[in-house]
C-alpha cells in the first residue's frame, strides 16, 4: 500500500521512514507543518522525489484517520 514508506526495526528504531533512506516520515510532516515547502525539502534532501513527500503526507493522514476521538473528550481526559 505504501511502496515509498518502510518500517524496519533495524532502521531508525522501527519508525516509518522514506524507503531507502533514514529520513523519518514524522520529520518530513513536521517540516511541512512548520512552513517548509515541498520545493525546499527537495532542495534540502536531493535523494527525495516529490512522490516521497506526498507518500509521507498520505501515510500521516491514514494514521490520523484510524483513531477518531472528539477533541472535547481529549480535553476532559487531560
Protein backbone atom coordinates (compact mmCIF):
# COMPACT_ATOMS: atom_id res chain seq x y z
CA UNK A 1 0.00 0.00 0.00
CA UNK A 2 2.79 2.42 0.86
CA UNK A 3 5.56 1.42 -1.51
CA UNK A 4 7.58 4.55 -0.67
CA UNK A 5 7.37 4.09 3.13
CA UNK A 6 9.21 1.39 5.07
CA UNK A 7 9.16 0.25 8.66
CA UNK A 8 12.18 -1.78 9.70
CA UNK A 9 13.12 -2.41 13.33
CA UNK A 10 16.79 -2.10 12.29
CA UNK A 11 16.35 1.38 10.79
CA UNK A 12 15.54 4.43 12.96
CA UNK A 13 14.24 2.23 15.78
CA UNK A 14 11.38 0.97 13.61
CA UNK A 15 9.97 4.41 12.83
CA UNK A 16 8.26 4.81 9.47
CA UNK A 17 10.85 6.17 7.02
CA UNK A 18 11.03 7.02 3.37
CA UNK A 19 12.10 3.75 1.77
CA UNK A 20 15.83 3.52 1.12
CA UNK A 21 16.61 6.40 3.49
CA UNK A 22 16.88 7.07 7.18
CA UNK A 23 14.50 10.03 6.90
CA UNK A 24 11.51 9.51 9.21
CA UNK A 25 8.04 10.31 7.92
CA UNK A 26 7.36 12.42 11.02
CA UNK A 27 10.35 14.64 10.21
CA UNK A 28 9.03 15.47 6.75
CA UNK A 29 5.49 16.08 8.01
CA UNK A 30 6.74 18.29 10.85
CA UNK A 31 8.91 20.34 8.49
CA UNK A 32 5.92 20.91 6.22
CA UNK A 33 3.79 21.86 9.24
CA UNK A 34 6.44 24.39 10.26
CA UNK A 35 6.28 26.16 6.91
CA UNK A 36 8.82 24.40 4.71
CA UNK A 37 7.64 23.86 1.16
CA UNK A 38 7.92 20.70 -0.88
CA UNK A 39 10.39 22.51 -3.12
CA UNK A 40 12.58 23.42 -0.13
CA UNK A 41 12.55 19.83 1.09
CA UNK A 42 13.54 18.58 -2.34
CA UNK A 43 16.46 21.02 -2.32
CA UNK A 44 17.50 20.04 1.22
CA UNK A 45 17.16 16.30 0.50
CA UNK A 46 18.24 15.73 -3.11
CA UNK A 47 17.69 11.97 -2.83
CA UNK A 48 13.95 12.53 -2.33
CA UNK A 49 11.31 12.79 -5.00
CA UNK A 50 8.06 14.74 -4.79
CA UNK A 51 6.18 11.42 -4.58
CA UNK A 52 8.13 10.53 -1.41
CA UNK A 53 6.88 13.66 0.33
CA UNK A 54 3.31 13.07 -0.86
CA UNK A 55 3.58 9.50 0.45
CA UNK A 56 4.60 10.88 3.88
CA UNK A 57 1.51 13.07 3.97
CA UNK A 58 -0.72 10.21 2.84
CA UNK A 59 0.75 7.90 5.48
CA UNK A 60 0.27 10.51 8.22
CA UNK A 61 -3.31 11.13 7.09
CA UNK A 62 -4.06 7.41 7.24
CA UNK A 63 -2.73 7.23 10.80
CA UNK A 64 -4.82 10.21 11.87
CA UNK A 65 -7.88 8.64 10.31
CA UNK A 66 -7.54 5.41 12.31
CA UNK A 67 -8.18 6.92 15.74
CA UNK A 68 -11.11 9.27 15.84
CA UNK A 69 -11.73 10.90 19.20
CA UNK A 70 -13.58 14.18 19.66
CA UNK A 71 -11.39 16.99 20.98
CA UNK A 72 -13.82 17.53 23.88
CA UNK A 73 -13.12 14.01 25.13
CA UNK A 74 -9.37 14.57 24.93
CA UNK A 75 -9.65 17.81 26.89
CA UNK A 76 -11.60 16.15 29.70
CA UNK A 77 -9.03 13.35 29.97
CA UNK A 78 -6.07 15.71 30.33
